[in-house]
Structure formats: C-alpha cells, structure tokens
PDB file of all heavy atoms in Angstrom:
ATOM      1  N   ALA A   1     135.313 141.076  53.334  1.00  0.00           N
ATOM      2  CA  ALA A   1     134.821 141.930  52.191  1.00  0.00           C
ATOM      3  C   ALA A   1     134.529 141.030  50.982  1.00  0.00           C
ATOM      4  O   ALA A   1     133.548 141.278  50.278  1.00  0.00           O
ATOM      5  CB  ALA A   1     135.920 142.904  51.841  1.00  0.00           C
ATOM      6  N   ALA A   2     135.440 140.070  50.759  1.00  0.00           N
ATOM      7  CA  ALA A   2     135.208 139.152  49.609  1.00  0.00           C
ATOM      8  C   ALA A   2     133.894 138.293  49.806  1.00  0.00           C
ATOM      9  O   ALA A   2     133.213 138.135  48.904  1.00  0.00           O
ATOM     10  CB  ALA A   2     136.401 138.203  49.497  1.00  0.00           C
ATOM     11  N   ALA A   3     133.664 137.855  51.068  1.00  0.00           N
ATOM     12  CA  ALA A   3     132.447 137.030  51.280  1.00  0.00           C
ATOM     13  C   ALA A   3     131.239 137.924  51.040  1.00  0.00           C
ATOM     14  O   ALA A   3     130.242 137.449  50.544  1.00  0.00           O
ATOM     15  CB  ALA A   3     132.544 136.548  52.755  1.00  0.00           C
ATOM     16  N   TRP A   4     131.235 139.188  51.547  1.00  0.00           N
ATOM     17  CA  TRP A   4     130.080 140.062  51.349  1.00  0.00           C
ATOM     18  C   TRP A   4     129.825 140.272  49.886  1.00  0.00           C
ATOM     19  O   TRP A   4     128.705 140.255  49.379  1.00  0.00           O
ATOM     20  CB  TRP A   4     130.247 141.392  52.098  1.00  0.00           C
ATOM     21  CG  TRP A   4     128.995 142.113  52.342  1.00  0.00           C
ATOM     22  CD1 TRP A   4     128.208 142.092  53.410  1.00  0.00           C
ATOM     23  CD2 TRP A   4     128.382 143.031  51.389  1.00  0.00           C
ATOM     24  NE1 TRP A   4     127.077 142.994  53.208  1.00  0.00           N
ATOM     25  CE2 TRP A   4     127.196 143.482  51.949  1.00  0.00           C
ATOM     26  CE3 TRP A   4     128.687 143.477  50.123  1.00  0.00           C
ATOM     27  CZ2 TRP A   4     126.336 144.486  51.351  1.00  0.00           C
ATOM     28  CZ3 TRP A   4     127.859 144.392  49.480  1.00  0.00           C
ATOM     29  CH2 TRP A   4     126.714 144.797  50.135  1.00  0.00           C
ATOM     30  N   TRP A   5     130.935 140.487  49.081  1.00  0.00           N
ATOM     31  CA  TRP A   5     130.827 140.726  47.696  1.00  0.00           C
ATOM     32  C   TRP A   5     130.161 139.510  47.023  1.00  0.00           C
ATOM     33  O   TRP A   5     129.228 139.622  46.212  1.00  0.00           O
ATOM     34  CB  TRP A   5     132.257 140.988  47.144  1.00  0.00           C
ATOM     35  CG  TRP A   5     132.136 141.404  45.684  1.00  0.00           C
ATOM     36  CD1 TRP A   5     132.161 142.681  45.134  1.00  0.00           C
ATOM     37  CD2 TRP A   5     132.057 140.573  44.478  1.00  0.00           C
ATOM     38  NE1 TRP A   5     132.066 142.697  43.779  1.00  0.00           N
ATOM     39  CE2 TRP A   5     131.976 141.399  43.323  1.00  0.00           C
ATOM     40  CE3 TRP A   5     131.999 139.178  44.327  1.00  0.00           C
ATOM     41  CZ2 TRP A   5     131.949 140.886  42.078  1.00  0.00           C
ATOM     42  CZ3 TRP A   5     131.938 138.714  43.032  1.00  0.00           C
ATOM     43  CH2 TRP A   5     131.923 139.542  41.892  1.00  0.00           C
ATOM     44  N   LEU A   6     130.612 138.266  47.365  1.00  0.00           N
ATOM     45  CA  LEU A   6     130.076 137.093  46.731  1.00  0.00           C
ATOM     46  C   LEU A   6     128.643 136.851  47.125  1.00  0.00           C
ATOM     47  O   LEU A   6     127.838 136.536  46.325  1.00  0.00           O
ATOM     48  CB  LEU A   6     130.861 135.908  47.254  1.00  0.00           C
ATOM     49  CG  LEU A   6     132.331 135.805  46.615  1.00  0.00           C
ATOM     50  CD1 LEU A   6     133.097 134.665  47.267  1.00  0.00           C
ATOM     51  CD2 LEU A   6     132.261 135.628  45.062  1.00  0.00           C
ATOM     52  N   LEU A   7     128.294 137.141  48.386  1.00  0.00           N
ATOM     53  CA  LEU A   7     126.883 136.970  48.782  1.00  0.00           C
ATOM     54  C   LEU A   7     125.973 138.036  48.126  1.00  0.00           C
ATOM     55  O   LEU A   7     124.829 137.740  47.689  1.00  0.00           O
ATOM     56  CB  LEU A   7     126.770 137.129  50.310  1.00  0.00           C
ATOM     57  CG  LEU A   7     127.422 135.990  51.107  1.00  0.00           C
ATOM     58  CD1 LEU A   7     127.364 136.306  52.656  1.00  0.00           C
ATOM     59  CD2 LEU A   7     126.628 134.626  50.879  1.00  0.00           C
ATOM     60  N   ARG A   8     126.498 139.247  47.958  1.00  0.00           N
ATOM     61  CA  ARG A   8     125.773 140.267  47.293  1.00  0.00           C
ATOM     62  C   ARG A   8     125.552 139.871  45.805  1.00  0.00           C
ATOM     63  O   ARG A   8     124.450 139.941  45.188  1.00  0.00           O
ATOM     64  CB  ARG A   8     126.522 141.588  47.336  1.00  0.00           C
ATOM     65  CG  ARG A   8     125.743 142.728  46.585  1.00  0.00           C
ATOM     66  CD  ARG A   8     126.745 143.874  46.357  1.00  0.00           C
ATOM     67  NE  ARG A   8     126.152 144.956  45.677  1.00  0.00           N
ATOM     68  CZ  ARG A   8     126.766 146.009  45.108  1.00  0.00           C
ATOM     69  NH1 ARG A   8     128.063 146.004  45.184  1.00  0.00           N
ATOM     70  NH2 ARG A   8     126.174 146.987  44.497  1.00  0.00           N
ATOM     71  N   ASP A   9     126.656 139.329  45.149  1.00  0.00           N
ATOM     72  CA  ASP A   9     126.511 138.898  43.765  1.00  0.00           C
ATOM     73  C   ASP A   9     125.438 137.850  43.592  1.00  0.00           C
ATOM     74  O   ASP A   9     124.705 137.811  42.651  1.00  0.00           O
ATOM     75  CB  ASP A   9     127.925 138.456  43.222  1.00  0.00           C
ATOM     76  CG  ASP A   9     127.891 138.009  41.830  1.00  0.00           C
ATOM     77  OD1 ASP A   9     127.720 138.737  40.937  1.00  0.00           O
ATOM     78  OD2 ASP A   9     128.113 136.704  41.741  1.00  0.00           O
ATOM     79  N   ARG A  10     125.460 136.865  44.521  1.00  0.00           N
ATOM     80  CA  ARG A  10     124.597 135.776  44.417  1.00  0.00           C
ATOM     81  C   ARG A  10     123.059 136.205  44.638  1.00  0.00           C
ATOM     82  O   ARG A  10     122.221 135.861  43.873  1.00  0.00           O
ATOM     83  CB  ARG A  10     124.878 134.695  45.454  1.00  0.00           C
ATOM     84  CG  ARG A  10     124.031 133.503  45.512  1.00  0.00           C
ATOM     85  CD  ARG A  10     124.277 132.522  46.653  1.00  0.00           C
ATOM     86  NE  ARG A  10     125.734 132.066  46.514  1.00  0.00           N
ATOM     87  CZ  ARG A  10     126.352 131.284  47.452  1.00  0.00           C
ATOM     88  NH1 ARG A  10     125.580 130.961  48.486  1.00  0.00           N
ATOM     89  NH2 ARG A  10     127.571 130.918  47.265  1.00  0.00           N
ATOM     90  N   ALA A  11     123.002 137.157  45.573  1.00  0.00           N
ATOM     91  CA  ALA A  11     121.610 137.635  45.841  1.00  0.00           C
ATOM     92  C   ALA A  11     121.091 138.396  44.621  1.00  0.00           C
ATOM     93  O   ALA A  11     119.900 138.346  44.238  1.00  0.00           O
ATOM     94  CB  ALA A  11     121.646 138.629  47.079  1.00  0.00           C
ATOM     95  N   ILE A  12     121.945 139.307  43.955  1.00  0.00           N
ATOM     96  CA  ILE A  12     121.536 140.017  42.755  1.00  0.00           C
ATOM     97  C   ILE A  12     121.131 138.988  41.675  1.00  0.00           C
ATOM     98  O   ILE A  12     120.079 139.215  40.956  1.00  0.00           O
ATOM     99  CB  ILE A  12     122.707 140.900  42.317  1.00  0.00           C
ATOM    100  CG1 ILE A  12     122.955 142.004  43.323  1.00  0.00           C
ATOM    101  CG2 ILE A  12     122.394 141.496  40.842  1.00  0.00           C
ATOM    102  CD1 ILE A  12     124.152 142.844  42.992  1.00  0.00           C
ATOM    103  N   ARG A  13     121.828 137.987  41.509  1.00  0.00           N
ATOM    104  CA  ARG A  13     121.559 136.993  40.467  1.00  0.00           C
ATOM    105  C   ARG A  13     120.222 136.219  40.756  1.00  0.00           C
ATOM    106  O   ARG A  13     119.684 135.539  39.822  1.00  0.00           O
ATOM    107  CB  ARG A  13     122.758 136.064  40.251  1.00  0.00           C
ATOM    108  CG  ARG A  13     123.977 136.778  39.684  1.00  0.00           C
ATOM    109  CD  ARG A  13     125.174 135.854  39.712  1.00  0.00           C
ATOM    110  NE  ARG A  13     126.357 136.559  39.184  1.00  0.00           N
ATOM    111  CZ  ARG A  13     126.669 136.691  37.966  1.00  0.00           C
ATOM    112  NH1 ARG A  13     125.895 136.152  36.972  1.00  0.00           N
ATOM    113  NH2 ARG A  13     127.681 137.360  37.598  1.00  0.00           N
ATOM    114  N   THR A  14     119.771 136.220  42.003  1.00  0.00           N
ATOM    115  CA  THR A  14     118.517 135.545  42.287  1.00  0.00           C
ATOM    116  C   THR A  14     117.399 136.528  42.512  1.00  0.00           C
ATOM    117  O   THR A  14     116.421 136.165  43.124  1.00  0.00           O
ATOM    118  CB  THR A  14     118.743 134.773  43.617  1.00  0.00           C
ATOM    119  OG1 THR A  14     119.195 135.566  44.657  1.00  0.00           O
ATOM    120  CG2 THR A  14     119.742 133.682  43.432  1.00  0.00           C
ATOM    121  N   GLY A  15     117.560 137.776  42.016  1.00  0.00           N
ATOM    122  CA  GLY A  15     116.424 138.684  41.944  1.00  0.00           C
ATOM    123  C   GLY A  15     116.501 139.927  42.850  1.00  0.00           C
ATOM    124  O   GLY A  15     115.592 140.765  42.924  1.00  0.00           O
ATOM    125  N   ARG A  16     117.571 140.075  43.668  1.00  0.00           N
ATOM    126  CA  ARG A  16     117.662 141.178  44.587  1.00  0.00           C
ATOM    127  C   ARG A  16     118.231 142.373  43.809  1.00  0.00           C
ATOM    128  O   ARG A  16     119.406 142.854  43.968  1.00  0.00           O
ATOM    129  CB  ARG A  16     118.691 140.857  45.728  1.00  0.00           C
ATOM    130  CG  ARG A  16     118.030 139.911  46.764  1.00  0.00           C
ATOM    131  CD  ARG A  16     116.892 140.549  47.567  1.00  0.00           C
ATOM    132  NE  ARG A  16     117.362 141.749  48.210  1.00  0.00           N
ATOM    133  CZ  ARG A  16     117.958 141.826  49.414  1.00  0.00           C
ATOM    134  NH1 ARG A  16     118.278 140.688  50.046  1.00  0.00           N
ATOM    135  NH2 ARG A  16     118.295 143.017  49.944  1.00  0.00           N
ATOM    136  N   ASP A  17     117.406 142.985  42.936  1.00  0.00           N
ATOM    137  CA  ASP A  17     117.882 144.132  42.107  1.00  0.00           C
ATOM    138  C   ASP A  17     118.161 145.318  42.956  1.00  0.00           C
ATOM    139  O   ASP A  17     118.994 146.168  42.524  1.00  0.00           O
ATOM    140  CB  ASP A  17     116.732 144.489  41.144  1.00  0.00           C
ATOM    141  CG  ASP A  17     116.542 143.451  40.064  1.00  0.00           C
ATOM    142  OD1 ASP A  17     117.415 142.581  39.889  1.00  0.00           O
ATOM    143  OD2 ASP A  17     115.453 143.427  39.441  1.00  0.00           O
ATOM    144  N   ASP A  18     117.642 145.431  44.158  1.00  0.00           N
ATOM    145  CA  ASP A  18     117.976 146.569  45.023  1.00  0.00           C
ATOM    146  C   ASP A  18     119.474 146.603  45.339  1.00  0.00           C
ATOM    147  O   ASP A  18     119.989 147.661  45.611  1.00  0.00           O
ATOM    148  CB  ASP A  18     117.082 146.487  46.252  1.00  0.00           C
ATOM    149  CG  ASP A  18     117.287 145.258  47.046  1.00  0.00           C
ATOM    150  OD1 ASP A  18     117.196 144.132  46.413  1.00  0.00           O
ATOM    151  OD2 ASP A  18     117.483 145.324  48.305  1.00  0.00           O
ATOM    152  N   LEU A  19     120.073 145.421  45.434  1.00  0.00           N
ATOM    153  CA  LEU A  19     121.447 145.316  45.810  1.00  0.00           C
ATOM    154  C   LEU A  19     122.384 145.838  44.739  1.00  0.00           C
ATOM    155  O   LEU A  19     123.630 145.933  44.896  1.00  0.00           O
ATOM    156  CB  LEU A  19     121.871 143.901  46.292  1.00  0.00           C
ATOM    157  CG  LEU A  19     121.186 143.467  47.527  1.00  0.00           C
ATOM    158  CD1 LEU A  19     121.580 141.950  47.809  1.00  0.00           C
ATOM    159  CD2 LEU A  19     121.568 144.346  48.695  1.00  0.00           C
ATOM    160  N   ALA A  20     121.862 145.887  43.459  1.00  0.00           N
ATOM    161  CA  ALA A  20     122.635 146.338  42.361  1.00  0.00           C
ATOM    162  C   ALA A  20     122.772 147.888  42.206  1.00  0.00           C
ATOM    163  O   ALA A  20     123.465 148.356  41.341  1.00  0.00           O
ATOM    164  CB  ALA A  20     122.119 145.747  41.074  1.00  0.00           C
ATOM    165  N   ASP A  21     122.077 148.639  43.080  1.00  0.00           N
ATOM    166  CA  ASP A  21     122.056 150.035  42.965  1.00  0.00           C
ATOM    167  C   ASP A  21     123.444 150.659  43.348  1.00  0.00           C
ATOM    168  O   ASP A  21     124.276 150.151  44.148  1.00  0.00           O
ATOM    169  CB  ASP A  21     121.024 150.612  43.923  1.00  0.00           C
ATOM    170  CG  ASP A  21     120.787 152.102  43.708  1.00  0.00           C
ATOM    171  OD1 ASP A  21     120.255 152.500  42.700  1.00  0.00           O
ATOM    172  OD2 ASP A  21     121.228 152.889  44.567  1.00  0.00           O
ATOM    173  N   GLU A  22     123.755 151.773  42.777  1.00  0.00           N
ATOM    174  CA  GLU A  22     124.994 152.522  43.009  1.00  0.00           C
ATOM    175  C   GLU A  22     125.166 152.832  44.509  1.00  0.00           C
ATOM    176  O   GLU A  22     126.248 152.805  45.023  1.00  0.00           O
ATOM    177  CB  GLU A  22     125.109 153.747  42.144  1.00  0.00           C
ATOM    178  CG  GLU A  22     125.154 153.532  40.734  1.00  0.00           C
ATOM    179  CD  GLU A  22     125.060 154.926  39.934  1.00  0.00           C
ATOM    180  OE1 GLU A  22     125.111 155.933  40.636  1.00  0.00           O
ATOM    181  OE2 GLU A  22     125.026 154.907  38.695  1.00  0.00           O
ATOM    182  N   THR A  23     124.092 153.226  45.111  1.00  0.00           N
ATOM    183  CA  THR A  23     124.161 153.648  46.532  1.00  0.00           C
ATOM    184  C   THR A  23     124.643 152.505  47.399  1.00  0.00           C
ATOM    185  O   THR A  23     125.470 152.755  48.322  1.00  0.00           O
ATOM    186  CB  THR A  23     122.751 154.039  47.022  1.00  0.00           C
ATOM    187  OG1 THR A  23     122.312 155.160  46.202  1.00  0.00           O
ATOM    188  CG2 THR A  23     122.835 154.513  48.468  1.00  0.00           C
ATOM    189  N   VAL A  24     124.154 151.294  47.179  1.00  0.00           N
ATOM    190  CA  VAL A  24     124.688 150.157  47.885  1.00  0.00           C
ATOM    191  C   VAL A  24     126.130 149.892  47.756  1.00  0.00           C
ATOM    192  O   VAL A  24     126.979 149.637  48.639  1.00  0.00           O
ATOM    193  CB  VAL A  24     123.906 148.823  47.561  1.00  0.00           C
ATOM    194  CG1 VAL A  24     124.520 147.645  48.344  1.00  0.00           C
ATOM    195  CG2 VAL A  24     122.420 149.012  47.815  1.00  0.00           C
ATOM    196  N   ALA A  25     126.697 150.182  46.486  1.00  0.00           N
ATOM    197  CA  ALA A  25     128.103 150.051  46.193  1.00  0.00           C
ATOM    198  C   ALA A  25     128.920 151.057  46.993  1.00  0.00           C
ATOM    199  O   ALA A  25     129.881 150.644  47.557  1.00  0.00           O
ATOM    200  CB  ALA A  25     128.380 150.234  44.774  1.00  0.00           C
ATOM    201  N   ARG A  26     128.406 152.188  47.040  1.00  0.00           N
ATOM    202  CA  ARG A  26     129.102 153.284  47.802  1.00  0.00           C
ATOM    203  C   ARG A  26     129.047 153.040  49.241  1.00  0.00           C
ATOM    204  O   ARG A  26     130.060 153.256  50.064  1.00  0.00           O
ATOM    205  CB  ARG A  26     128.622 154.682  47.442  1.00  0.00           C
ATOM    206  CG  ARG A  26     128.768 155.007  45.963  1.00  0.00           C
ATOM    207  CD  ARG A  26     128.274 156.444  45.655  1.00  0.00           C
ATOM    208  NE  ARG A  26     128.319 156.669  44.258  1.00  0.00           N
ATOM    209  CZ  ARG A  26     127.230 156.637  43.458  1.00  0.00           C
ATOM    210  NH1 ARG A  26     126.025 156.476  43.916  1.00  0.00           N
ATOM    211  NH2 ARG A  26     127.416 156.815  42.166  1.00  0.00           N
ATOM    212  N   ASP A  27     127.875 152.572  49.736  1.00  0.00           N
ATOM    213  CA  ASP A  27     127.781 152.258  51.098  1.00  0.00           C
ATOM    214  C   ASP A  27     128.835 151.114  51.501  1.00  0.00           C
ATOM    215  O   ASP A  27     129.404 151.189  52.573  1.00  0.00           O
ATOM    216  CB  ASP A  27     126.475 151.733  51.475  1.00  0.00           C
ATOM    217  CG  ASP A  27     125.341 152.865  51.493  1.00  0.00           C
ATOM    218  OD1 ASP A  27     125.759 154.057  51.433  1.00  0.00           O
ATOM    219  OD2 ASP A  27     124.217 152.537  51.601  1.00  0.00           O
ATOM    220  N   PHE A  28     128.888 150.174  50.650  1.00  0.00           N
ATOM    221  CA  PHE A  28     129.904 149.067  50.920  1.00  0.00           C
ATOM    222  C   PHE A  28     131.316 149.516  51.069  1.00  0.00           C
ATOM    223  O   PHE A  28     132.067 149.149  51.921  1.00  0.00           O
ATOM    224  CB  PHE A  28     129.731 147.935  49.884  1.00  0.00           C
ATOM    225  CG  PHE A  28     130.514 146.777  50.097  1.00  0.00           C
ATOM    226  CD1 PHE A  28     130.889 146.317  51.281  1.00  0.00           C
ATOM    227  CD2 PHE A  28     131.109 146.127  48.917  1.00  0.00           C
ATOM    228  CE1 PHE A  28     131.719 145.118  51.435  1.00  0.00           C
ATOM    229  CE2 PHE A  28     131.894 145.014  49.051  1.00  0.00           C
ATOM    230  CZ  PHE A  28     132.246 144.557  50.334  1.00  0.00           C
ATOM    231  N   VAL A  29     131.664 150.368  50.117  1.00  0.00           N
ATOM    232  CA  VAL A  29     133.061 150.890  50.168  1.00  0.00           C
ATOM    233  C   VAL A  29     133.328 151.731  51.410  1.00  0.00           C
ATOM    234  O   VAL A  29     134.335 151.508  52.066  1.00  0.00           O
ATOM    235  CB  VAL A  29     133.404 151.764  48.939  1.00  0.00           C
ATOM    236  CG1 VAL A  29     134.699 152.514  49.020  1.00  0.00           C
ATOM    237  CG2 VAL A  29     133.258 150.836  47.675  1.00  0.00           C
ATOM    238  N   PHE A  30     132.325 152.521  51.720  1.00  0.00           N
ATOM    239  CA  PHE A  30     132.440 153.352  53.020  1.00  0.00           C
ATOM    240  C   PHE A  30     132.572 152.382  54.247  1.00  0.00           C
ATOM    241  O   PHE A  30     133.514 152.594  55.075  1.00  0.00           O
ATOM    242  CB  PHE A  30     131.258 154.228  53.151  1.00  0.00           C
ATOM    243  CG  PHE A  30     131.115 155.011  54.428  1.00  0.00           C
ATOM    244  CD1 PHE A  30     132.153 155.862  54.811  1.00  0.00           C
ATOM    245  CD2 PHE A  30     130.065 154.924  55.329  1.00  0.00           C
ATOM    246  CE1 PHE A  30     132.129 156.666  55.954  1.00  0.00           C
ATOM    247  CE2 PHE A  30     129.957 155.701  56.438  1.00  0.00           C
ATOM    248  CZ  PHE A  30     131.047 156.535  56.782  1.00  0.00           C
ATOM    249  N   ALA A  31     131.756 151.388  54.347  1.00  0.00           N
ATOM    250  CA  ALA A  31     131.840 150.459  55.393  1.00  0.00           C
ATOM    251  C   ALA A  31     133.174 149.716  55.463  1.00  0.00           C
ATOM    252  O   ALA A  31     133.797 149.531  56.591  1.00  0.00           O
ATOM    253  CB  ALA A  31     130.725 149.470  55.407  1.00  0.00           C
ATOM    254  N   LEU A  32     133.669 149.401  54.304  1.00  0.00           N
ATOM    255  CA  LEU A  32     134.938 148.649  54.204  1.00  0.00           C
ATOM    256  C   LEU A  32     136.116 149.555  54.636  1.00  0.00           C
ATOM    257  O   LEU A  32     136.979 149.015  55.409  1.00  0.00           O
ATOM    258  CB  LEU A  32     135.173 148.212  52.777  1.00  0.00           C
ATOM    259  CG  LEU A  32     136.363 147.239  52.517  1.00  0.00           C
ATOM    260  CD1 LEU A  32     136.300 146.067  53.384  1.00  0.00           C
ATOM    261  CD2 LEU A  32     136.349 146.834  51.023  1.00  0.00           C
ATOM    262  N   VAL A  33     136.090 150.798  54.265  1.00  0.00           N
ATOM    263  CA  VAL A  33     137.162 151.648  54.697  1.00  0.00           C
ATOM    264  C   VAL A  33     137.169 151.876  56.257  1.00  0.00           C
ATOM    265  O   VAL A  33     138.147 151.940  56.918  1.00  0.00           O
ATOM    266  CB  VAL A  33     137.116 153.027  53.952  1.00  0.00           C
ATOM    267  CG1 VAL A  33     138.147 153.966  54.479  1.00  0.00           C
ATOM    268  CG2 VAL A  33     137.381 152.746  52.469  1.00  0.00           C
ATOM    269  N   LEU A  34     135.926 152.104  56.689  1.00  0.00           N
ATOM    270  CA  LEU A  34     135.777 152.206  58.142  1.00  0.00           C
ATOM    271  C   LEU A  34     136.304 150.890  58.946  1.00  0.00           C
ATOM    272  O   LEU A  34     136.964 151.084  59.924  1.00  0.00           O
ATOM    273  CB  LEU A  34     134.288 152.340  58.499  1.00  0.00           C
ATOM    274  CG  LEU A  34     133.674 153.733  58.423  1.00  0.00           C
ATOM    275  CD1 LEU A  34     132.218 153.761  58.722  1.00  0.00           C
ATOM    276  CD2 LEU A  34     134.371 154.694  59.439  1.00  0.00           C
ATOM    277  N   LEU A  35     136.067 149.756  58.353  1.00  0.00           N
ATOM    278  CA  LEU A  35     136.538 148.542  58.999  1.00  0.00           C
ATOM    279  C   LEU A  35     138.015 148.451  58.986  1.00  0.00           C
ATOM    280  O   LEU A  35     138.609 148.059  59.996  1.00  0.00           O
ATOM    281  CB  LEU A  35     135.835 147.373  58.265  1.00  0.00           C
ATOM    282  CG  LEU A  35     135.951 145.985  58.934  1.00  0.00           C
ATOM    283  CD1 LEU A  35     135.217 146.069  60.334  1.00  0.00           C
ATOM    284  CD2 LEU A  35     135.184 144.994  58.109  1.00  0.00           C
ATOM    285  N   PHE A  36     138.646 148.921  57.854  1.00  0.00           N
ATOM    286  CA  PHE A  36     140.082 148.890  57.859  1.00  0.00           C
ATOM    287  C   PHE A  36     140.743 149.919  58.807  1.00  0.00           C
ATOM    288  O   PHE A  36     141.640 149.706  59.419  1.00  0.00           O
ATOM    289  CB  PHE A  36     140.582 149.179  56.406  1.00  0.00           C
ATOM    290  CG  PHE A  36     140.778 147.942  55.589  1.00  0.00           C
ATOM    291  CD1 PHE A  36     139.877 147.437  54.711  1.00  0.00           C
ATOM    292  CD2 PHE A  36     142.057 147.206  55.817  1.00  0.00           C
ATOM    293  CE1 PHE A  36     140.015 146.329  54.077  1.00  0.00           C
ATOM    294  CE2 PHE A  36     142.241 146.084  55.000  1.00  0.00           C
ATOM    295  CZ  PHE A  36     141.325 145.595  54.188  1.00  0.00           C
ATOM    296  N   VAL A  37     140.022 151.002  58.952  1.00  0.00           N
ATOM    297  CA  VAL A  37     140.562 152.058  59.867  1.00  0.00           C
ATOM    298  C   VAL A  37     140.453 151.514  61.328  1.00  0.00           C
ATOM    299  O   VAL A  37     141.359 151.667  62.147  1.00  0.00           O
ATOM    300  CB  VAL A  37     139.792 153.337  59.708  1.00  0.00           C
ATOM    301  CG1 VAL A  37     140.126 154.312  60.846  1.00  0.00           C
ATOM    302  CG2 VAL A  37     140.120 153.956  58.373  1.00  0.00           C
ATOM    303  N   ALA A  38     139.315 150.873  61.577  1.00  0.00           N
ATOM    304  CA  ALA A  38     139.083 150.347  62.906  1.00  0.00           C
ATOM    305  C   ALA A  38     140.079 149.270  63.334  1.00  0.00           C
ATOM    306  O   ALA A  38     140.357 149.090  64.494  1.00  0.00           O
ATOM    307  CB  ALA A  38     137.619 149.845  63.063  1.00  0.00           C
ATOM    308  N   THR A  39     140.627 148.563  62.345  1.00  0.00           N
ATOM    309  CA  THR A  39     141.537 147.440  62.670  1.00  0.00           C
ATOM    310  C   THR A  39     142.977 147.840  62.323  1.00  0.00           C
ATOM    311  O   THR A  39     143.834 146.895  62.166  1.00  0.00           O
ATOM    312  CB  THR A  39     141.071 146.166  61.854  1.00  0.00           C
ATOM    313  OG1 THR A  39     140.985 146.493  60.467  1.00  0.00           O
ATOM    314  CG2 THR A  39     139.676 145.756  62.332  1.00  0.00           C
ATOM    315  N   SER A  40     143.235 149.063  62.053  1.00  0.00           N
ATOM    316  CA  SER A  40     144.537 149.516  61.677  1.00  0.00           C
ATOM    317  C   SER A  40     145.447 149.792  62.871  1.00  0.00           C
ATOM    318  O   SER A  40     144.975 150.251  63.901  1.00  0.00           O
ATOM    319  CB  SER A  40     144.457 150.730  60.745  1.00  0.00           C
ATOM    320  OG  SER A  40     145.718 151.238  60.468  1.00  0.00           O
ATOM    321  N   ARG A  41     146.681 149.603  62.724  1.00  0.00           N
ATOM    322  CA  ARG A  41     147.667 149.944  63.709  1.00  0.00           C
ATOM    323  C   ARG A  41     147.856 151.441  63.792  1.00  0.00           C
ATOM    324  O   ARG A  41     148.362 151.977  64.750  1.00  0.00           O
ATOM    325  CB  ARG A  41     149.106 149.371  63.442  1.00  0.00           C
ATOM    326  CG  ARG A  41     149.079 147.770  63.461  1.00  0.00           C
ATOM    327  CD  ARG A  41     150.363 147.339  62.763  1.00  0.00           C
ATOM    328  NE  ARG A  41     150.271 147.735  61.361  1.00  0.00           N
ATOM    329  CZ  ARG A  41     151.387 147.718  60.615  1.00  0.00           C
ATOM    330  NH1 ARG A  41     152.552 147.196  61.051  1.00  0.00           N
ATOM    331  NH2 ARG A  41     151.366 148.019  59.300  1.00  0.00           N
ATOM    332  N   VAL A  42     147.457 152.126  62.769  1.00  0.00           N
ATOM    333  CA  VAL A  42     147.662 153.497  62.621  1.00  0.00           C
ATOM    334  C   VAL A  42     146.361 154.320  62.473  1.00  0.00           C
ATOM    335  O   VAL A  42     145.451 153.833  61.699  1.00  0.00           O
ATOM    336  CB  VAL A  42     148.662 153.862  61.467  1.00  0.00           C
ATOM    337  CG1 VAL A  42     148.933 155.333  61.300  1.00  0.00           C
ATOM    338  CG2 VAL A  42     149.901 153.070  61.568  1.00  0.00           C
ATOM    339  N   LEU A  43     146.292 155.471  63.049  1.00  0.00           N
ATOM    340  CA  LEU A  43     145.068 156.284  62.727  1.00  0.00           C
ATOM    341  C   LEU A  43     145.578 157.794  62.912  1.00  0.00           C
ATOM    342  O   LEU A  43     145.301 158.431  63.855  1.00  0.00           O
ATOM    343  CB  LEU A  43     143.972 156.058  63.700  1.00  0.00           C
ATOM    344  CG  LEU A  43     142.560 156.364  63.153  1.00  0.00           C
ATOM    345  CD1 LEU A  43     141.412 155.979  64.086  1.00  0.00           C
ATOM    346  CD2 LEU A  43     142.349 157.802  62.801  1.00  0.00           C
ATOM    347  N   SER A  44     146.354 158.147  61.862  1.00  0.00           N
ATOM    348  CA  SER A  44     146.900 159.496  61.832  1.00  0.00           C
ATOM    349  C   SER A  44     145.725 160.493  61.676  1.00  0.00           C
ATOM    350  O   SER A  44     144.744 160.191  61.033  1.00  0.00           O
ATOM    351  CB  SER A  44     147.899 159.679  60.750  1.00  0.00           C
ATOM    352  OG  SER A  44     149.012 158.753  60.896  1.00  0.00           O
ATOM    353  N   PRO A  45     145.908 161.729  62.176  1.00  0.00           N
ATOM    354  CA  PRO A  45     144.842 162.692  62.033  1.00  0.00           C
ATOM    355  C   PRO A  45     144.391 162.952  60.658  1.00  0.00           C
ATOM    356  O   PRO A  45     143.160 163.233  60.444  1.00  0.00           O
ATOM    357  CB  PRO A  45     145.415 163.940  62.712  1.00  0.00           C
ATOM    358  CG  PRO A  45     146.857 163.773  62.799  1.00  0.00           C
ATOM    359  CD  PRO A  45     147.100 162.240  62.901  1.00  0.00           C
ATOM    360  N   GLN A  46     145.294 162.822  59.641  1.00  0.00           N
ATOM    361  CA  GLN A  46     144.878 163.097  58.330  1.00  0.00           C
ATOM    362  C   GLN A  46     143.965 162.081  57.697  1.00  0.00           C
ATOM    363  O   GLN A  46     143.381 162.304  56.680  1.00  0.00           O
ATOM    364  CB  GLN A  46     146.069 163.246  57.413  1.00  0.00           C
ATOM    365  CG  GLN A  46     147.036 162.033  57.301  1.00  0.00           C
ATOM    366  CD  GLN A  46     148.127 162.132  58.255  1.00  0.00           C
ATOM    367  OE1 GLN A  46     148.019 162.821  59.375  1.00  0.00           O
ATOM    368  NE2 GLN A  46     149.299 161.481  58.017  1.00  0.00           N
TER     369      GLN A  46
END
C-alpha cells in the first residue's frame, strides 16, 4: 500500500492528473481493504 501510494504521488507530480481524482482514492481504499480481508486470519460474517 505504501509503495502504491508513493508511485501514485510521483505520477501525479509528473503530470498524471487523472490519478489525483477522488474516485481513484476511493478505489484504492476499497482495494486495500479487500486485500487485508483476503490475507486475514479472520473473516467473520459481519
């Protein structure tokens, strides 16, 4: 997650304005939570 954040930050600073959009931020958080659930010891129904 930290590596993706840094790469995104660098890309934005070199002209990738599309990566600065709110939608990309929400997508990233959604993917990150999914990744933590997939690698978790626990997946309670709630």
